[in-house]
């Protein structure tokens, strides 16, 4: 019996040693799934739209820079995005899968930016097991490089002044002046990110580079521009309410409503509804366009092709 067991174990060992490793194939759908996982976690964690935009930006830049090393149709963002330096070069003597490294960098940086780290760790580890079983050498080389790039981008990210703004004072109301913004019922939520103009921008020189025209001067005089704009919104709101929830206007508003934390009141009951952020909404639209075009990592002229789909589907008024 012992001899038979030894023979079986030997056969099993030899079979495992002779297991043929296969290339790890990463598709655009794998990347979409990673982004969707981040969106799912962000909805749970409730990040404000400005913070959500930051969470999306850095992991995607890390992934893009890795892909740009292998594909000359993509231009590196080095010297195009503020203070971004060249990522470490890949060791071409190692079996690095650039698509895999990009996905690993995206997951790792995303984990650093959200609260529910355990959720993304479970997702990551399930992928790691699959990749490792397919081709351990390719997986380890790609993982090491992906994490190296993620560390480089994280160092740049940490200098954008975000952490410093977390300790700054909240927006305060110290005046009864009717021109001043006031928290509104039912939730009376604070003003969001009053210090966001101190965050390092990606392309422009500062938040003050492009100043919008000021709004009409506050006035409750019926012939003033401010009052005319105010009453226009008020009248439209009343007309929509009269039509009920089935109106086209309500459907459009609900489609574009990306408030991550909506306070809802039903009689004496008040509860919150969690939703995606505006950034997540547009990333979802971009994903739809990419899938309609069957876009891969190596597909060139992507911006133009996606722009045409945006126009065709009615998201923009002309091809971009």
Protein backbone atom coordinates (compact mmCIF):
# COMPACT_ATOMS: atom_id res chain seq x y z
CA UNK A 1 0.00 0.00 0.00
CA UNK A 2 2.81 2.38 0.96
CA UNK A 3 4.62 1.57 -2.28
CA UNK A 4 1.52 2.29 -4.33
CA UNK A 5 1.04 5.63 -2.56
CA UNK A 6 4.65 6.57 -3.27
CA UNK A 7 4.19 5.77 -6.95
CA UNK A 8 1.01 7.86 -7.15
CA UNK A 9 2.67 10.84 -5.46
CA UNK A 10 5.64 10.56 -7.80
CA UNK A 11 3.36 10.53 -10.82
CA UNK A 12 1.43 13.55 -9.50
CA UNK A 13 4.69 15.42 -8.87
CA UNK A 14 6.03 14.68 -12.34
CA UNK A 15 2.72 15.71 -13.89
CA UNK A 16 2.84 19.05 -12.08
CA UNK A 17 6.44 19.60 -13.16
CA UNK A 18 5.54 18.87 -16.78
CA UNK A 19 2.51 21.17 -16.77
CA UNK A 20 2.71 23.38 -19.82
CA UNK A 21 2.53 27.07 -19.01
CA UNK A 22 0.32 29.17 -21.25
CA UNK A 23 0.56 32.91 -22.00
CA UNK A 24 -1.59 35.15 -19.83
CA UNK A 25 -4.07 36.99 -22.06
CA UNK A 26 -5.45 40.29 -20.75
CA UNK A 27 -8.34 41.78 -22.69
CA UNK A 28 -10.00 45.17 -22.58
CA UNK A 29 -12.87 43.51 -20.70
CA UNK A 30 -10.47 42.65 -17.87
CA UNK A 31 -9.62 46.32 -17.56
CA UNK A 32 -13.31 47.35 -17.67
CA UNK A 33 -14.01 44.86 -14.89
CA UNK A 34 -11.27 46.36 -12.74
CA UNK A 35 -12.68 49.86 -13.23
CA UNK A 36 -16.20 48.59 -12.48
CA UNK A 37 -14.94 47.05 -9.24
CA UNK A 38 -13.52 50.43 -8.20
CA UNK A 39 -16.85 52.12 -9.06
CA UNK A 40 -18.72 49.53 -6.99
CA UNK A 41 -16.47 50.17 -3.99
CA UNK A 42 -16.68 53.93 -4.39
CA UNK A 43 -20.48 53.80 -4.31
CA UNK A 44 -20.23 51.88 -1.04
CA UNK A 45 -17.58 54.19 0.44
CA UNK A 46 -19.41 57.40 -0.66
CA UNK A 47 -16.75 59.68 -2.16
CA UNK A 48 -17.67 63.18 -3.29
CA UNK A 49 -17.43 63.83 -7.06
CA UNK A 50 -14.12 65.76 -6.86
CA UNK A 51 -12.48 63.05 -4.73
CA UNK A 52 -13.91 60.33 -6.98
CA UNK A 53 -12.31 62.00 -10.01
CA UNK A 54 -8.93 61.82 -8.29
CA UNK A 55 -9.45 58.13 -7.48
CA UNK A 56 -10.11 57.37 -11.13
CA UNK A 57 -7.28 59.50 -12.53
CA UNK A 58 -4.10 58.15 -10.93
CA UNK A 59 -4.64 54.38 -11.41
CA UNK A 60 -5.59 54.97 -15.04
CA UNK A 61 -2.50 57.10 -15.64
CA UNK A 62 -0.32 54.32 -14.20
CA UNK A 63 -1.94 51.74 -16.50
CA UNK A 64 -1.70 54.04 -19.53
CA UNK A 65 1.99 54.80 -19.02
CA UNK A 66 2.83 51.08 -18.93
CA UNK A 67 0.89 50.41 -22.14
CA UNK A 68 2.50 53.44 -23.79
CA UNK A 69 5.95 51.87 -23.31
CA UNK A 70 5.05 49.00 -25.61
CA UNK A 71 2.73 50.78 -28.06
CA UNK A 72 4.13 53.77 -29.95
CA UNK A 73 0.64 54.92 -30.97
CA UNK A 74 0.22 56.13 -27.37
CA UNK A 75 2.15 59.22 -26.27
CA UNK A 76 3.55 59.18 -22.75
CA UNK A 77 2.02 61.73 -20.39
CA UNK A 78 5.48 62.62 -19.10
CA UNK A 79 5.96 66.42 -19.41
CA UNK A 80 2.34 66.70 -20.54
CA UNK A 81 0.85 66.21 -17.09
CA UNK A 82 2.15 68.45 -14.34
CA UNK A 83 5.24 67.18 -12.48
CA UNK A 84 4.90 63.65 -13.89
CA UNK A 85 8.31 62.09 -14.53
CA UNK A 86 9.09 59.03 -16.64
CA UNK A 87 8.07 55.71 -15.11
CA UNK A 88 10.77 53.07 -14.56
CA UNK A 89 11.70 51.26 -17.75
CA UNK A 90 10.73 47.62 -18.05
CA UNK A 91 13.52 45.02 -17.99
CA UNK A 92 13.21 43.54 -21.49
CA UNK A 93 15.16 40.45 -20.41
CA UNK A 94 12.19 39.39 -18.27
CA UNK A 95 8.90 37.91 -19.55
CA UNK A 96 6.83 41.00 -18.74
CA UNK A 97 3.27 41.11 -20.01
CA UNK A 98 2.59 44.85 -20.33
CA UNK A 99 -1.20 44.52 -20.32
CA UNK A 100 -1.01 42.41 -17.17
CA UNK A 101 1.41 44.82 -15.50
CA UNK A 102 -0.90 47.73 -16.37
CA UNK A 103 -3.89 45.98 -14.81
CA UNK A 104 -1.93 45.12 -11.67
CA UNK A 105 -0.77 48.74 -11.34
CA UNK A 106 -4.37 49.92 -11.74
CA UNK A 107 -5.64 47.58 -9.02
CA UNK A 108 -2.81 48.40 -6.61
CA UNK A 109 -3.18 52.19 -6.89
CA UNK A 110 -6.97 51.93 -6.64
CA UNK A 111 -6.55 49.99 -3.41
CA UNK A 112 -4.47 52.85 -1.99
CA UNK A 113 -7.20 55.38 -2.75
CA UNK A 114 -10.39 53.75 -1.43
CA UNK A 115 -11.57 52.88 2.09
CA UNK A 116 -12.82 49.30 1.60
CA UNK A 117 -9.39 47.83 0.91
CA UNK A 118 -10.44 44.30 1.86
CA UNK A 119 -12.99 44.18 -0.97
CA UNK A 120 -10.44 45.00 -3.62
CA UNK A 121 -7.88 42.66 -2.02
CA UNK A 122 -10.29 39.73 -2.38
CA UNK A 123 -10.86 40.68 -6.02
CA UNK A 124 -7.12 41.07 -6.63
CA UNK A 125 -6.17 37.80 -4.95
CA UNK A 126 -8.71 35.84 -6.99
CA UNK A 127 -7.11 37.18 -10.18
CA UNK A 128 -3.60 36.55 -8.88
CA UNK A 129 -4.39 32.86 -8.31
CA UNK A 130 -5.62 32.43 -11.89
CA UNK A 131 -2.67 34.25 -13.45
CA UNK A 132 -0.13 32.46 -11.28
CA UNK A 133 -1.53 29.05 -12.19
CA UNK A 134 -1.33 29.85 -15.92
CA UNK A 135 2.23 31.16 -16.05
CA UNK A 136 4.05 31.87 -12.82
CA UNK A 137 7.18 33.37 -14.40
CA UNK A 138 5.18 35.78 -16.55
CA UNK A 139 2.91 36.67 -13.64
CA UNK A 140 5.75 37.39 -11.19
CA UNK A 141 7.71 39.50 -13.68
CA UNK A 142 4.60 41.47 -14.66
CA UNK A 143 3.48 41.90 -11.05
CA UNK A 144 6.85 43.19 -9.91
CA UNK A 145 6.97 45.69 -12.73
CA UNK A 146 3.35 46.78 -12.27
CA UNK A 147 3.91 47.40 -8.56
CA UNK A 148 7.12 49.30 -9.32
CA UNK A 149 5.24 51.67 -11.62
CA UNK A 150 2.38 51.97 -9.12
CA UNK A 151 4.89 53.03 -6.47
CA UNK A 152 6.35 55.65 -8.84
CA UNK A 153 2.91 57.10 -9.62
CA UNK A 154 1.95 57.00 -5.93
CA UNK A 155 4.99 59.13 -5.04
CA UNK A 156 3.91 61.71 -7.62
CA UNK A 157 0.28 61.46 -6.47
CA UNK A 158 1.17 62.11 -2.82
CA UNK A 159 2.59 65.51 -3.74
CA UNK A 160 -0.68 66.90 -5.15
CA UNK A 161 -1.63 68.55 -1.82
CA UNK A 162 -4.71 66.37 -1.33
CA UNK A 163 -3.67 65.04 2.07
CA UNK A 164 -2.96 68.54 3.32
CA UNK A 165 -6.45 69.72 2.35
CA UNK A 166 -7.97 66.97 4.50
CA UNK A 167 -6.91 68.89 7.60
CA UNK A 168 -8.14 72.30 6.46
CA UNK A 169 -11.29 73.92 7.83
CA UNK A 170 -14.75 73.13 6.47
CA UNK A 171 -16.82 75.67 4.60
CA UNK A 172 -18.46 77.85 7.23
CA UNK A 173 -21.46 80.16 7.07
CA UNK A 174 -20.76 83.28 9.11
CA UNK A 175 -23.29 85.65 7.59
CA UNK A 176 -27.05 85.95 7.08
CA UNK A 177 -26.45 87.69 3.79
CA UNK A 178 -29.01 86.22 1.32
CA UNK A 179 -26.36 86.31 -1.43
CA UNK A 180 -24.29 83.70 0.40
CA UNK A 181 -24.71 79.98 -0.24
CA UNK A 182 -26.53 78.22 2.58
CA UNK A 183 -26.98 74.50 3.37
CA UNK A 184 -30.43 73.43 2.25
CA UNK A 185 -32.99 71.01 3.67
CA UNK A 186 -33.56 68.20 4.28
CA UNK A 187 -29.96 67.10 4.88
CA UNK A 188 -28.28 70.51 5.35
CA UNK A 189 -25.04 69.06 3.99
CA UNK A 190 -21.77 71.00 4.14
CA UNK A 191 -20.32 72.68 1.10
CA UNK A 192 -18.08 70.18 -0.75
CA UNK A 193 -14.32 70.57 -1.00
CA UNK A 194 -13.88 74.30 -0.32
CA UNK A 195 -10.09 73.87 -0.71
CA UNK A 196 -10.09 71.89 -3.95
CA UNK A 197 -8.52 74.85 -5.75
CA UNK A 198 -5.35 74.07 -3.80
CA UNK A 199 -4.99 70.62 -5.39
CA UNK A 200 -2.25 70.40 -8.03
CA UNK A 201 -3.91 70.47 -11.46
CA UNK A 202 -2.99 68.00 -14.20
CA UNK A 203 -2.64 70.34 -17.18
CA UNK A 204 -3.56 73.96 -16.43
CA UNK A 205 -1.21 76.12 -14.35
CA UNK A 206 -3.75 76.68 -11.56
CA UNK A 207 -7.46 76.71 -10.80
CA UNK A 208 -7.42 80.42 -11.64
CA UNK A 209 -6.16 80.04 -15.23
CA UNK A 210 -9.62 79.88 -16.80
CA UNK A 211 -12.08 81.93 -14.79
CA UNK A 212 -15.75 81.62 -15.78
CA UNK A 213 -17.84 84.73 -16.19
CA UNK A 214 -19.42 85.72 -12.87
CA UNK A 215 -23.09 84.87 -12.38
CA UNK A 216 -25.70 87.63 -12.48
CA UNK A 217 -25.61 89.86 -9.43
CA UNK A 218 -27.99 88.69 -6.72
CA UNK A 219 -31.26 90.56 -6.85
CA UNK A 220 -34.89 89.78 -6.14
CA UNK A 221 -36.06 92.61 -8.39
CA UNK A 222 -38.33 91.13 -11.04
CA UNK A 223 -36.57 92.88 -13.92
CA UNK A 224 -33.07 91.70 -12.86
CA UNK A 225 -31.15 88.98 -14.72
CA UNK A 226 -30.77 87.00 -11.52
CA UNK A 227 -34.51 86.91 -10.86
CA UNK A 228 -35.32 86.00 -14.47
CA UNK A 229 -32.98 83.01 -14.35
CA UNK A 230 -34.30 82.01 -10.93
CA UNK A 231 -37.96 82.14 -11.96
CA UNK A 232 -37.20 80.23 -15.17
CA UNK A 233 -35.86 77.28 -13.16
CA UNK A 234 -38.74 77.55 -10.70
CA UNK A 235 -41.41 77.54 -13.42
CA UNK A 236 -39.84 74.60 -15.26
CA UNK A 237 -39.65 72.64 -12.00
CA UNK A 238 -43.35 73.19 -11.40
CA UNK A 239 -44.27 72.10 -14.93
CA UNK A 240 -42.21 68.92 -14.60
CA UNK A 241 -43.85 68.16 -11.24
CA UNK A 242 -47.30 68.52 -12.80
CA UNK A 243 -46.40 65.96 -15.51
CA UNK A 244 -45.38 63.38 -12.93
CA UNK A 245 -42.45 60.97 -12.72
CA UNK A 246 -43.13 59.52 -16.18
CA UNK A 247 -42.23 62.74 -18.01
CA UNK A 248 -39.30 62.81 -20.42
CA UNK A 249 -37.70 65.65 -18.45
CA UNK A 250 -37.71 63.57 -15.25
CA UNK A 251 -36.23 60.59 -17.10
CA UNK A 252 -33.41 62.76 -18.48
CA UNK A 253 -32.75 64.29 -15.06
CA UNK A 254 -32.67 60.88 -13.39
CA UNK A 255 -30.25 59.57 -16.02
CA UNK A 256 -27.81 62.41 -15.37
CA UNK A 257 -28.31 62.50 -11.60
CA UNK A 258 -24.90 61.36 -10.33
CA UNK A 259 -25.16 62.60 -6.75
CA UNK A 260 -23.25 59.92 -4.76
CA UNK A 261 -25.30 60.57 -1.61
CA UNK A 262 -28.91 61.66 -2.15
CA UNK A 263 -30.98 62.43 0.92
CA UNK A 264 -34.60 61.33 0.44
CA UNK A 265 -37.50 62.28 2.71
CA UNK A 266 -40.75 60.31 2.87
CA UNK A 267 -42.97 61.83 5.54
CA UNK A 268 -41.07 61.44 8.81
CA UNK A 269 -38.63 58.97 7.26
CA UNK A 270 -35.33 60.22 5.86
CA UNK A 271 -32.79 57.95 4.17
CA UNK A 272 -29.87 58.16 1.75
CA UNK A 273 -29.56 56.67 -1.72
CA UNK A 274 -26.05 55.85 -2.95
CA UNK A 275 -25.20 56.43 -6.61
CA UNK A 276 -22.21 56.68 -8.91
CA UNK A 277 -20.32 59.95 -9.24
CA UNK A 278 -20.28 62.08 -12.43
CA UNK A 279 -16.81 60.77 -13.26
CA UNK A 280 -18.02 57.17 -12.97
CA UNK A 281 -20.98 58.00 -15.19
CA UNK A 282 -18.75 59.24 -18.00
CA UNK A 283 -16.35 56.34 -17.61
CA UNK A 284 -19.33 54.02 -17.98
CA UNK A 285 -20.38 55.82 -21.17
CA UNK A 286 -16.82 55.51 -22.48
CA UNK A 287 -16.89 51.79 -21.72
CA UNK A 288 -20.07 51.43 -23.78
CA UNK A 289 -18.37 53.20 -26.70
CA UNK A 290 -15.27 51.00 -26.40
CA UNK A 291 -17.35 47.83 -26.39
CA UNK A 292 -19.37 48.97 -29.41
CA UNK A 293 -16.08 49.46 -31.24
CA UNK A 294 -14.50 46.24 -29.90
CA UNK A 295 -11.55 48.35 -28.78
CA UNK A 296 -8.43 46.49 -27.63
CA UNK A 297 -5.27 47.65 -25.87
CA UNK A 298 -3.52 48.08 -29.21
CA UNK A 299 -6.30 49.81 -31.12
CA UNK A 300 -5.06 53.16 -32.47
CA UNK A 301 -6.99 56.40 -33.17
CA UNK A 302 -9.20 55.58 -30.19
CA UNK A 303 -10.21 59.14 -29.28
CA UNK A 304 -11.67 59.82 -32.72
CA UNK A 305 -13.52 56.49 -32.84
CA UNK A 306 -15.02 56.92 -29.36
CA UNK A 307 -16.00 60.50 -30.23
CA UNK A 308 -17.95 59.28 -33.25
CA UNK A 309 -19.84 56.77 -31.08
CA UNK A 310 -20.62 59.52 -28.53
CA UNK A 311 -22.15 61.54 -31.37
CA UNK A 312 -24.04 58.56 -32.81
CA UNK A 313 -25.53 57.65 -29.42
CA UNK A 314 -26.54 61.25 -28.71
CA UNK A 315 -24.11 62.07 -25.88
CA UNK A 316 -22.51 64.98 -27.80
CA UNK A 317 -23.93 67.33 -30.45
CA UNK A 318 -21.19 66.77 -33.05
CA UNK A 319 -18.32 64.34 -33.69
CA UNK A 320 -15.27 65.19 -31.57
